[in-house]
């Protein structure tokens, strides 16, 4: 099975996990859902996500539990039991290992911090530090930080249309020099969540020559993110030519919708991870067709 097929299987698994975070999720059940043995499924999951199934589920449950502590008035014991912790004591021990404080103290401290952050966000919806928002019609879109919808930690970035009449596309992006990546295979990945995406969305990466010539490009338009989906893992992989000068990357939204991204990764990979570059000749016919227009 190819890496792309592995990735698709893991994406389906992540969707299943997101829908069942409060349910029992034994490895055997997930492997059966994916159609593989436990051993093969676990190895495949770790290859794509870079962590074990058990660690991933534990981290997602803890992130959601921490969010519920801040944004709801549920008792800590109720939150603990919802996310499959056997007792409040076991939840508190696990929570302290990650956040270095008890759930009760975290709730008190973070609610004050979040209230201040939300006031600042409402007053100043600028792009996240280090990023720019551009595109065909960026005035029809907005971007910023979100502390209510997160995959890990306490903050994610979002990009959304201002209304259903949003034109063109907008992107949240960065550009860097390609010097340290020349001759390497580069993977840009992120966890992405979408809501009511009527057009399309996706990660993208482009490798440019100093003259502006595009040397490699992928924007996931052959596998777009559409509709409403829980957090899932996506990636684009390109070879960086030695004659390249600039690497641009980010996430784009075309038309109505709302997307979030979190836990971004930017790293070199070996040749076992195939490139996702969109080749302009892939969809071309091998021979001319219908030359007499009678077909």
C-alpha atoms as a PDB file:
ATOM      1  CA  UNK A   1       0.000   0.000   0.000  1.00  0.00           C
ATOM      2  CA  UNK A   2       1.291   3.483  -0.903  1.00  0.00           C
ATOM      3  CA  UNK A   3       1.951   6.296   1.546  1.00  0.00           C
ATOM      4  CA  UNK A   4      -1.048   8.221   0.128  1.00  0.00           C
ATOM      5  CA  UNK A   5      -3.298   5.240   0.816  1.00  0.00           C
ATOM      6  CA  UNK A   6      -1.899   4.991   4.344  1.00  0.00           C
ATOM      7  CA  UNK A   7      -2.578   8.685   4.868  1.00  0.00           C
ATOM      8  CA  UNK A   8      -6.153   8.360   3.603  1.00  0.00           C
ATOM      9  CA  UNK A   9      -6.765   5.444   5.978  1.00  0.00           C
ATOM     10  CA  UNK A  10      -5.380   7.428   8.902  1.00  0.00           C
ATOM     11  CA  UNK A  11      -7.520  10.449   7.971  1.00  0.00           C
ATOM     12  CA  UNK A  12     -10.608   8.228   8.103  1.00  0.00           C
ATOM     13  CA  UNK A  13      -9.420   6.922  11.487  1.00  0.00           C
ATOM     14  CA  UNK A  14      -8.901  10.447  12.847  1.00  0.00           C
ATOM     15  CA  UNK A  15     -12.442  11.348  11.801  1.00  0.00           C
ATOM     16  CA  UNK A  16     -13.690   8.310  13.702  1.00  0.00           C
ATOM     17  CA  UNK A  17     -11.656   9.236  16.791  1.00  0.00           C
ATOM     18  CA  UNK A  18     -12.972  12.820  16.782  1.00  0.00           C
ATOM     19  CA  UNK A  19     -16.540  11.525  16.693  1.00  0.00           C
ATOM     20  CA  UNK A  20     -15.921   9.077  19.556  1.00  0.00           C
ATOM     21  CA  UNK A  21     -13.558  10.873  21.941  1.00  0.00           C
ATOM     22  CA  UNK A  22     -15.954  10.221  24.812  1.00  0.00           C
ATOM     23  CA  UNK A  23     -16.331   6.533  23.925  1.00  0.00           C
ATOM     24  CA  UNK A  24     -14.084   3.569  24.595  1.00  0.00           C
ATOM     25  CA  UNK A  25     -11.518   3.411  21.772  1.00  0.00           C
ATOM     26  CA  UNK A  26      -9.447   0.224  22.086  1.00  0.00           C
ATOM     27  CA  UNK A  27      -6.756  -0.302  19.483  1.00  0.00           C
ATOM     28  CA  UNK A  28      -8.497  -3.451  18.250  1.00  0.00           C
ATOM     29  CA  UNK A  29     -11.658  -1.477  17.419  1.00  0.00           C
ATOM     30  CA  UNK A  30      -9.749   1.178  15.493  1.00  0.00           C
ATOM     31  CA  UNK A  31      -7.696  -1.429  13.626  1.00  0.00           C
ATOM     32  CA  UNK A  32     -10.862  -3.320  12.685  1.00  0.00           C
ATOM     33  CA  UNK A  33     -12.513  -0.070  11.547  1.00  0.00           C
ATOM     34  CA  UNK A  34      -9.471   0.607   9.328  1.00  0.00           C
ATOM     35  CA  UNK A  35      -9.402  -2.976   8.073  1.00  0.00           C
ATOM     36  CA  UNK A  36      -5.934  -3.963   9.343  1.00  0.00           C
ATOM     37  CA  UNK A  37      -4.304  -6.032  12.034  1.00  0.00           C
ATOM     38  CA  UNK A  38      -3.491  -4.233  15.286  1.00  0.00           C
ATOM     39  CA  UNK A  39       0.241  -4.422  14.607  1.00  0.00           C
ATOM     40  CA  UNK A  40       0.066  -3.106  11.036  1.00  0.00           C
ATOM     41  CA  UNK A  41      -2.452  -0.395  11.932  1.00  0.00           C
ATOM     42  CA  UNK A  42      -0.383   0.866  14.874  1.00  0.00           C
ATOM     43  CA  UNK A  43       2.773   0.993  12.746  1.00  0.00           C
ATOM     44  CA  UNK A  44       0.939   2.823   9.945  1.00  0.00           C
ATOM     45  CA  UNK A  45      -0.606   5.334  12.376  1.00  0.00           C
ATOM     46  CA  UNK A  46       2.733   6.121  13.987  1.00  0.00           C
ATOM     47  CA  UNK A  47       4.400   6.564  10.598  1.00  0.00           C
ATOM     48  CA  UNK A  48       1.898   9.227   9.524  1.00  0.00           C
ATOM     49  CA  UNK A  49       1.056  10.989  12.829  1.00  0.00           C
ATOM     50  CA  UNK A  50       4.482  10.495  14.506  1.00  0.00           C
ATOM     51  CA  UNK A  51       2.944   9.300  17.766  1.00  0.00           C
ATOM     52  CA  UNK A  52       1.185   6.171  18.983  1.00  0.00           C
ATOM     53  CA  UNK A  53      -2.592   5.734  18.783  1.00  0.00           C
ATOM     54  CA  UNK A  54      -2.834   5.650  22.588  1.00  0.00           C
ATOM     55  CA  UNK A  55      -0.794   8.845  23.005  1.00  0.00           C
ATOM     56  CA  UNK A  56      -2.789  10.646  20.320  1.00  0.00           C
ATOM     57  CA  UNK A  57      -6.154   9.768  21.878  1.00  0.00           C
ATOM     58  CA  UNK A  58      -4.933  10.689  25.362  1.00  0.00           C
ATOM     59  CA  UNK A  59      -3.675  14.082  24.151  1.00  0.00           C
ATOM     60  CA  UNK A  60      -6.909  14.861  22.272  1.00  0.00           C
ATOM     61  CA  UNK A  61      -9.024  13.929  25.290  1.00  0.00           C
ATOM     62  CA  UNK A  62      -6.863  16.020  27.597  1.00  0.00           C
ATOM     63  CA  UNK A  63      -7.027  19.023  25.242  1.00  0.00           C
ATOM     64  CA  UNK A  64     -10.813  18.785  25.073  1.00  0.00           C
ATOM     65  CA  UNK A  65     -11.059  18.310  28.826  1.00  0.00           C
ATOM     66  CA  UNK A  66      -8.897  21.417  29.409  1.00  0.00           C
ATOM     67  CA  UNK A  67     -11.114  23.379  27.007  1.00  0.00           C
ATOM     68  CA  UNK A  68     -14.250  22.252  28.857  1.00  0.00           C
ATOM     69  CA  UNK A  69     -12.728  23.346  32.169  1.00  0.00           C
ATOM     70  CA  UNK A  70     -12.356  26.870  30.811  1.00  0.00           C
ATOM     71  CA  UNK A  71     -15.490  27.251  28.712  1.00  0.00           C
ATOM     72  CA  UNK A  72     -18.087  25.280  30.703  1.00  0.00           C
ATOM     73  CA  UNK A  73     -19.211  25.092  34.323  1.00  0.00           C
ATOM     74  CA  UNK A  74     -19.171  21.300  34.436  1.00  0.00           C
ATOM     75  CA  UNK A  75     -17.620  19.742  37.522  1.00  0.00           C
ATOM     76  CA  UNK A  76     -14.088  18.414  37.050  1.00  0.00           C
ATOM     77  CA  UNK A  77     -15.239  14.896  37.976  1.00  0.00           C
ATOM     78  CA  UNK A  78     -17.918  14.968  35.247  1.00  0.00           C
ATOM     79  CA  UNK A  79     -15.402  16.134  32.662  1.00  0.00           C
ATOM     80  CA  UNK A  80     -12.952  13.454  33.782  1.00  0.00           C
ATOM     81  CA  UNK A  81     -15.518  10.666  33.424  1.00  0.00           C
ATOM     82  CA  UNK A  82     -16.736  11.952  30.036  1.00  0.00           C
ATOM     83  CA  UNK A  83     -13.214  11.637  28.637  1.00  0.00           C
ATOM     84  CA  UNK A  84     -12.731   8.104  29.966  1.00  0.00           C
ATOM     85  CA  UNK A  85     -10.613   8.816  33.043  1.00  0.00           C
ATOM     86  CA  UNK A  86     -11.416   6.292  35.748  1.00  0.00           C
ATOM     87  CA  UNK A  87     -11.580   8.821  38.586  1.00  0.00           C
ATOM     88  CA  UNK A  88     -10.971  12.457  39.395  1.00  0.00           C
ATOM     89  CA  UNK A  89      -7.693  11.439  41.020  1.00  0.00           C
ATOM     90  CA  UNK A  90      -6.374   9.755  37.863  1.00  0.00           C
ATOM     91  CA  UNK A  91      -7.541  12.737  35.801  1.00  0.00           C
ATOM     92  CA  UNK A  92      -5.781  15.166  38.153  1.00  0.00           C
ATOM     93  CA  UNK A  93      -2.510  13.189  38.021  1.00  0.00           C
ATOM     94  CA  UNK A  94      -2.568  13.047  34.217  1.00  0.00           C
ATOM     95  CA  UNK A  95      -3.560  16.707  33.995  1.00  0.00           C
ATOM     96  CA  UNK A  96      -0.695  17.838  36.261  1.00  0.00           C
ATOM     97  CA  UNK A  97       1.840  15.964  34.109  1.00  0.00           C
ATOM     98  CA  UNK A  98       0.851  18.065  31.097  1.00  0.00           C
ATOM     99  CA  UNK A  99      -0.171  21.435  32.580  1.00  0.00           C
ATOM    100  CA  UNK A 100       1.888  21.405  35.801  1.00  0.00           C
ATOM    101  CA  UNK A 101      -1.113  22.388  37.910  1.00  0.00           C
ATOM    102  CA  UNK A 102      -4.388  20.927  39.122  1.00  0.00           C
ATOM    103  CA  UNK A 103      -7.540  21.173  36.977  1.00  0.00           C
ATOM    104  CA  UNK A 104      -9.118  23.537  39.534  1.00  0.00           C
ATOM    105  CA  UNK A 105      -6.181  25.948  39.458  1.00  0.00           C
ATOM    106  CA  UNK A 106      -5.980  25.739  35.660  1.00  0.00           C
ATOM    107  CA  UNK A 107      -9.667  26.695  35.452  1.00  0.00           C
ATOM    108  CA  UNK A 108      -9.201  29.727  37.723  1.00  0.00           C
ATOM    109  CA  UNK A 109      -6.046  31.019  36.038  1.00  0.00           C
ATOM    110  CA  UNK A 110      -6.975  30.367  32.425  1.00  0.00           C
ATOM    111  CA  UNK A 111     -10.445  31.857  32.642  1.00  0.00           C
ATOM    112  CA  UNK A 112      -8.897  35.196  33.587  1.00  0.00           C
ATOM    113  CA  UNK A 113      -6.322  34.932  30.801  1.00  0.00           C
ATOM    114  CA  UNK A 114      -8.896  33.857  28.198  1.00  0.00           C
ATOM    115  CA  UNK A 115     -11.229  36.722  29.101  1.00  0.00           C
ATOM    116  CA  UNK A 116      -8.402  39.198  28.458  1.00  0.00           C
ATOM    117  CA  UNK A 117      -7.366  37.458  25.231  1.00  0.00           C
ATOM    118  CA  UNK A 118     -10.918  37.482  23.886  1.00  0.00           C
ATOM    119  CA  UNK A 119     -11.165  41.200  24.595  1.00  0.00           C
ATOM    120  CA  UNK A 120      -7.926  41.784  22.695  1.00  0.00           C
ATOM    121  CA  UNK A 121      -8.997  39.515  19.829  1.00  0.00           C
ATOM    122  CA  UNK A 122     -12.311  41.330  19.489  1.00  0.00           C
ATOM    123  CA  UNK A 123     -10.531  44.679  19.401  1.00  0.00           C
ATOM    124  CA  UNK A 124      -7.726  43.637  17.066  1.00  0.00           C
ATOM    125  CA  UNK A 125      -8.284  40.774  14.622  1.00  0.00           C
ATOM    126  CA  UNK A 126      -4.890  40.965  12.986  1.00  0.00           C
ATOM    127  CA  UNK A 127      -3.128  38.046  11.399  1.00  0.00           C
ATOM    128  CA  UNK A 128      -1.062  35.801  13.684  1.00  0.00           C
ATOM    129  CA  UNK A 129       2.523  36.938  14.219  1.00  0.00           C
ATOM    130  CA  UNK A 130       4.798  35.885  11.354  1.00  0.00           C
ATOM    131  CA  UNK A 131       1.910  35.259   8.944  1.00  0.00           C
ATOM    132  CA  UNK A 132       0.232  37.372   6.245  1.00  0.00           C
ATOM    133  CA  UNK A 133      -3.238  37.155   4.769  1.00  0.00           C
ATOM    134  CA  UNK A 134      -3.510  37.712   1.041  1.00  0.00           C
ATOM    135  CA  UNK A 135      -5.282  36.252  -1.988  1.00  0.00           C
ATOM    136  CA  UNK A 136      -7.637  37.361  -4.754  1.00  0.00           C
ATOM    137  CA  UNK A 137     -10.136  39.143  -2.493  1.00  0.00           C
ATOM    138  CA  UNK A 138      -8.783  39.136   1.085  1.00  0.00           C
ATOM    139  CA  UNK A 139     -11.275  41.865   2.038  1.00  0.00           C
ATOM    140  CA  UNK A 140     -14.016  39.207   1.847  1.00  0.00           C
ATOM    141  CA  UNK A 141     -12.276  37.104   4.514  1.00  0.00           C
ATOM    142  CA  UNK A 142     -10.891  37.437   8.020  1.00  0.00           C
ATOM    143  CA  UNK A 143      -8.256  35.645  10.065  1.00  0.00           C
ATOM    144  CA  UNK A 144      -7.081  35.540  13.647  1.00  0.00           C
ATOM    145  CA  UNK A 145      -6.498  33.331  16.687  1.00  0.00           C
ATOM    146  CA  UNK A 146      -9.071  31.145  18.418  1.00  0.00           C
ATOM    147  CA  UNK A 147      -8.872  29.845  21.988  1.00  0.00           C
ATOM    148  CA  UNK A 148     -12.126  27.888  21.857  1.00  0.00           C
ATOM    149  CA  UNK A 149     -11.420  25.567  18.914  1.00  0.00           C
ATOM    150  CA  UNK A 150      -8.010  23.931  19.356  1.00  0.00           C
ATOM    151  CA  UNK A 151      -6.366  20.627  18.538  1.00  0.00           C
ATOM    152  CA  UNK A 152      -3.519  20.936  21.024  1.00  0.00           C
ATOM    153  CA  UNK A 153      -2.501  23.608  23.516  1.00  0.00           C
ATOM    154  CA  UNK A 154      -4.719  26.685  23.919  1.00  0.00           C
ATOM    155  CA  UNK A 155      -4.659  28.532  20.566  1.00  0.00           C
ATOM    156  CA  UNK A 156      -5.358  27.761  16.907  1.00  0.00           C
ATOM    157  CA  UNK A 157      -5.402  30.034  13.844  1.00  0.00           C
ATOM    158  CA  UNK A 158      -8.465  30.453  11.671  1.00  0.00           C
ATOM    159  CA  UNK A 159      -9.439  31.754   8.239  1.00  0.00           C
ATOM    160  CA  UNK A 160     -13.076  32.364   7.349  1.00  0.00           C
ATOM    161  CA  UNK A 161     -15.326  34.130   4.883  1.00  0.00           C
ATOM    162  CA  UNK A 162     -17.163  37.194   6.154  1.00  0.00           C
ATOM    163  CA  UNK A 163     -20.419  36.015   4.565  1.00  0.00           C
ATOM    164  CA  UNK A 164     -21.824  33.622   1.969  1.00  0.00           C
ATOM    165  CA  UNK A 165     -20.968  36.023  -0.855  1.00  0.00           C
ATOM    166  CA  UNK A 166     -17.194  35.808  -0.377  1.00  0.00           C
ATOM    167  CA  UNK A 167     -15.427  36.086  -3.726  1.00  0.00           C
ATOM    168  CA  UNK A 168     -12.225  34.481  -4.964  1.00  0.00           C
ATOM    169  CA  UNK A 169      -9.955  33.029  -2.305  1.00  0.00           C
ATOM    170  CA  UNK A 170      -7.833  34.106   0.633  1.00  0.00           C
ATOM    171  CA  UNK A 171      -4.771  32.507   2.175  1.00  0.00           C
ATOM    172  CA  UNK A 172      -2.908  32.700   5.468  1.00  0.00           C
ATOM    173  CA  UNK A 173       0.722  32.210   4.500  1.00  0.00           C
ATOM    174  CA  UNK A 174       4.449  32.658   5.034  1.00  0.00           C
ATOM    175  CA  UNK A 175       7.492  32.908   2.769  1.00  0.00           C
ATOM    176  CA  UNK A 176      11.009  31.776   3.703  1.00  0.00           C
ATOM    177  CA  UNK A 177      14.375  31.358   1.981  1.00  0.00           C
ATOM    178  CA  UNK A 178      14.949  27.879   0.596  1.00  0.00           C
ATOM    179  CA  UNK A 179      18.702  27.784   1.398  1.00  0.00           C
ATOM    180  CA  UNK A 180      18.647  25.141   4.137  1.00  0.00           C
ATOM    181  CA  UNK A 181      16.174  22.897   2.276  1.00  0.00           C
ATOM    182  CA  UNK A 182      17.754  22.804  -1.211  1.00  0.00           C
ATOM    183  CA  UNK A 183      18.049  19.282  -2.523  1.00  0.00           C
ATOM    184  CA  UNK A 184      15.736  17.975   0.199  1.00  0.00           C
ATOM    185  CA  UNK A 185      12.195  16.596   0.200  1.00  0.00           C
ATOM    186  CA  UNK A 186      10.020  18.864   2.320  1.00  0.00           C
ATOM    187  CA  UNK A 187       6.737  18.082   4.076  1.00  0.00           C
ATOM    188  CA  UNK A 188       4.352  20.775   5.328  1.00  0.00           C
ATOM    189  CA  UNK A 189       1.573  19.306   7.452  1.00  0.00           C
ATOM    190  CA  UNK A 190      -1.095  20.478   9.874  1.00  0.00           C
ATOM    191  CA  UNK A 191      -4.243  19.458  11.663  1.00  0.00           C
ATOM    192  CA  UNK A 192      -7.208  21.218  10.035  1.00  0.00           C
ATOM    193  CA  UNK A 193     -10.857  21.544  11.080  1.00  0.00           C
ATOM    194  CA  UNK A 194     -13.527  22.874   8.713  1.00  0.00           C
ATOM    195  CA  UNK A 195     -17.056  24.207   9.013  1.00  0.00           C
ATOM    196  CA  UNK A 196     -19.515  24.744   6.167  1.00  0.00           C
ATOM    197  CA  UNK A 197     -16.851  25.018   3.438  1.00  0.00           C
ATOM    198  CA  UNK A 198     -18.964  25.482   0.293  1.00  0.00           C
ATOM    199  CA  UNK A 199     -16.041  25.922  -2.109  1.00  0.00           C
ATOM    200  CA  UNK A 200     -12.756  24.322  -1.140  1.00  0.00           C
ATOM    201  CA  UNK A 201      -9.875  24.608   1.302  1.00  0.00           C
ATOM    202  CA  UNK A 202      -6.447  23.071   1.700  1.00  0.00           C
ATOM    203  CA  UNK A 203      -2.829  23.385   2.673  1.00  0.00           C
ATOM    204  CA  UNK A 204      -0.467  24.574  -0.044  1.00  0.00           C
ATOM    205  CA  UNK A 205       3.238  24.940  -0.708  1.00  0.00           C
ATOM    206  CA  UNK A 206       5.149  26.447  -3.636  1.00  0.00           C
ATOM    207  CA  UNK A 207       8.868  26.414  -4.487  1.00  0.00           C
ATOM    208  CA  UNK A 208      10.031  29.415  -6.557  1.00  0.00           C
ATOM    209  CA  UNK A 209      13.143  30.378  -8.513  1.00  0.00           C
ATOM    210  CA  UNK A 210      14.546  33.884  -7.947  1.00  0.00           C
ATOM    211  CA  UNK A 211      13.082  34.867 -11.350  1.00  0.00           C
ATOM    212  CA  UNK A 212       9.600  34.036 -10.068  1.00  0.00           C
ATOM    213  CA  UNK A 213       9.368  30.764 -11.996  1.00  0.00           C
ATOM    214  CA  UNK A 214       7.348  28.159 -10.105  1.00  0.00           C
ATOM    215  CA  UNK A 215       9.504  25.040  -9.684  1.00  0.00           C
ATOM    216  CA  UNK A 216       7.069  22.918  -7.650  1.00  0.00           C
ATOM    217  CA  UNK A 217       3.539  23.434  -6.357  1.00  0.00           C
ATOM    218  CA  UNK A 218       0.668  21.689  -4.580  1.00  0.00           C
ATOM    219  CA  UNK A 219      -2.517  23.242  -3.158  1.00  0.00           C
ATOM    220  CA  UNK A 220      -4.556  20.078  -2.502  1.00  0.00           C
ATOM    221  CA  UNK A 221      -7.093  21.000  -5.176  1.00  0.00           C
ATOM    222  CA  UNK A 222      -7.054  17.382  -6.333  1.00  0.00           C
ATOM    223  CA  UNK A 223      -8.073  16.377  -2.782  1.00  0.00           C
ATOM    224  CA  UNK A 224      -9.779  19.488  -1.332  1.00  0.00           C
ATOM    225  CA  UNK A 225     -11.223  19.925   2.140  1.00  0.00           C
ATOM    226  CA  UNK A 226     -14.959  20.590   1.839  1.00  0.00           C
ATOM    227  CA  UNK A 227     -17.988  20.687   4.112  1.00  0.00           C
ATOM    228  CA  UNK A 228     -17.844  20.313   7.883  1.00  0.00           C
ATOM    229  CA  UNK A 229     -15.172  18.056   9.381  1.00  0.00           C
ATOM    230  CA  UNK A 230     -13.521  17.495  12.743  1.00  0.00           C
ATOM    231  CA  UNK A 231      -9.791  17.846  13.238  1.00  0.00           C
ATOM    232  CA  UNK A 232      -7.813  15.845  10.689  1.00  0.00           C
ATOM    233  CA  UNK A 233      -4.252  15.595   9.454  1.00  0.00           C
ATOM    234  CA  UNK A 234      -3.187  16.819   6.003  1.00  0.00           C
ATOM    235  CA  UNK A 235       0.149  17.326   4.284  1.00  0.00           C
ATOM    236  CA  UNK A 236       1.827  18.495   1.103  1.00  0.00           C
ATOM    237  CA  UNK A 237       5.233  17.158   0.091  1.00  0.00           C
ATOM    238  CA  UNK A 238       7.564  18.716  -2.498  1.00  0.00           C
ATOM    239  CA  UNK A 239      11.154  18.284  -3.630  1.00  0.00           C
ATOM    240  CA  UNK A 240      13.128  21.518  -3.250  1.00  0.00           C
ATOM    241  CA  UNK A 241      15.342  22.034  -6.346  1.00  0.00           C
ATOM    242  CA  UNK A 242      18.897  23.259  -5.811  1.00  0.00           C
ATOM    243  CA  UNK A 243      18.146  26.292  -7.996  1.00  0.00           C
ATOM    244  CA  UNK A 244      15.231  27.412  -5.797  1.00  0.00           C
ATOM    245  CA  UNK A 245      15.204  30.661  -3.817  1.00  0.00           C
ATOM    246  CA  UNK A 246      11.853  30.934  -2.009  1.00  0.00           C
ATOM    247  CA  UNK A 247       9.428  28.573  -0.278  1.00  0.00           C
ATOM    248  CA  UNK A 248       5.876  29.823   0.247  1.00  0.00           C
ATOM    249  CA  UNK A 249       3.312  27.861   2.239  1.00  0.00           C
ATOM    250  CA  UNK A 250       0.037  28.234   4.060  1.00  0.00           C
ATOM    251  CA  UNK A 251      -3.643  27.395   4.032  1.00  0.00           C
ATOM    252  CA  UNK A 252      -6.269  28.709   1.623  1.00  0.00           C
ATOM    253  CA  UNK A 253     -10.034  29.054   1.583  1.00  0.00           C
ATOM    254  CA  UNK A 254     -12.065  29.515  -1.584  1.00  0.00           C
ATOM    255  CA  UNK A 255     -15.603  30.770  -1.009  1.00  0.00           C
ATOM    256  CA  UNK A 256     -17.870  30.472   1.997  1.00  0.00           C
ATOM    257  CA  UNK A 257     -16.614  28.600   5.027  1.00  0.00           C
ATOM    258  CA  UNK A 258     -14.503  28.570   8.179  1.00  0.00           C
ATOM    259  CA  UNK A 259     -11.267  26.632   8.721  1.00  0.00           C
ATOM    260  CA  UNK A 260      -8.879  26.276  11.632  1.00  0.00           C
ATOM    261  CA  UNK A 261      -5.293  24.958  11.674  1.00  0.00           C
ATOM    262  CA  UNK A 262      -3.136  23.795  14.549  1.00  0.00           C
ATOM    263  CA  UNK A 263       0.018  21.752  15.253  1.00  0.00           C
ATOM    264  CA  UNK A 264       1.793  22.722  12.043  1.00  0.00           C
ATOM    265  CA  UNK A 265       4.931  20.847  11.038  1.00  0.00           C
ATOM    266  CA  UNK A 266       7.603  21.815   8.503  1.00  0.00           C
ATOM    267  CA  UNK A 267      10.333  19.200   8.042  1.00  0.00           C
ATOM    268  CA  UNK A 268      12.459  17.204   5.618  1.00  0.00           C
ATOM    269  CA  UNK A 269      11.455  13.607   4.883  1.00  0.00           C
ATOM    270  CA  UNK A 270      13.071  10.710   3.027  1.00  0.00           C
ATOM    271  CA  UNK A 271      12.047   9.221  -0.306  1.00  0.00           C
ATOM    272  CA  UNK A 272       9.646   6.774   1.338  1.00  0.00           C
ATOM    273  CA  UNK A 273       7.269   9.742   1.604  1.00  0.00           C
ATOM    274  CA  UNK A 274       6.081  10.504  -1.961  1.00  0.00           C
ATOM    275  CA  UNK A 275       5.708  14.019  -3.329  1.00  0.00           C
ATOM    276  CA  UNK A 276       2.183  15.379  -3.747  1.00  0.00           C
ATOM    277  CA  UNK A 277       3.116  17.859  -6.486  1.00  0.00           C
ATOM    278  CA  UNK A 278       0.338  18.511  -8.975  1.00  0.00           C
ATOM    279  CA  UNK A 279       1.689  17.805 -12.437  1.00  0.00           C
ATOM    280  CA  UNK A 280       0.035  19.728 -15.235  1.00  0.00           C
ATOM    281  CA  UNK A 281       0.363  16.745 -17.635  1.00  0.00           C
ATOM    282  CA  UNK A 282      -1.271  14.193 -15.347  1.00  0.00           C
ATOM    283  CA  UNK A 283      -4.747  14.829 -16.761  1.00  0.00           C
ATOM    284  CA  UNK A 284      -3.687  15.007 -20.413  1.00  0.00           C
ATOM    285  CA  UNK A 285      -4.583  12.379 -22.988  1.00  0.00           C
ATOM    286  CA  UNK A 286      -1.837  10.191 -24.463  1.00  0.00           C
ATOM    287  CA  UNK A 287      -3.043  10.865 -28.045  1.00  0.00           C
ATOM    288  CA  UNK A 288      -5.171  13.499 -29.820  1.00  0.00           C
ATOM    289  CA  UNK A 289      -8.921  12.835 -29.683  1.00  0.00           C
ATOM    290  CA  UNK A 290     -12.006  13.766 -31.736  1.00  0.00           C
ATOM    291  CA  UNK A 291     -10.043  15.379 -34.580  1.00  0.00           C
ATOM    292  CA  UNK A 292     -13.077  15.384 -36.907  1.00  0.00           C
ATOM    293  CA  UNK A 293     -15.492  16.699 -34.229  1.00  0.00           C
ATOM    294  CA  UNK A 294     -17.861  13.788 -34.887  1.00  0.00           C
ATOM    295  CA  UNK A 295     -17.139  12.028 -31.595  1.00  0.00           C
END
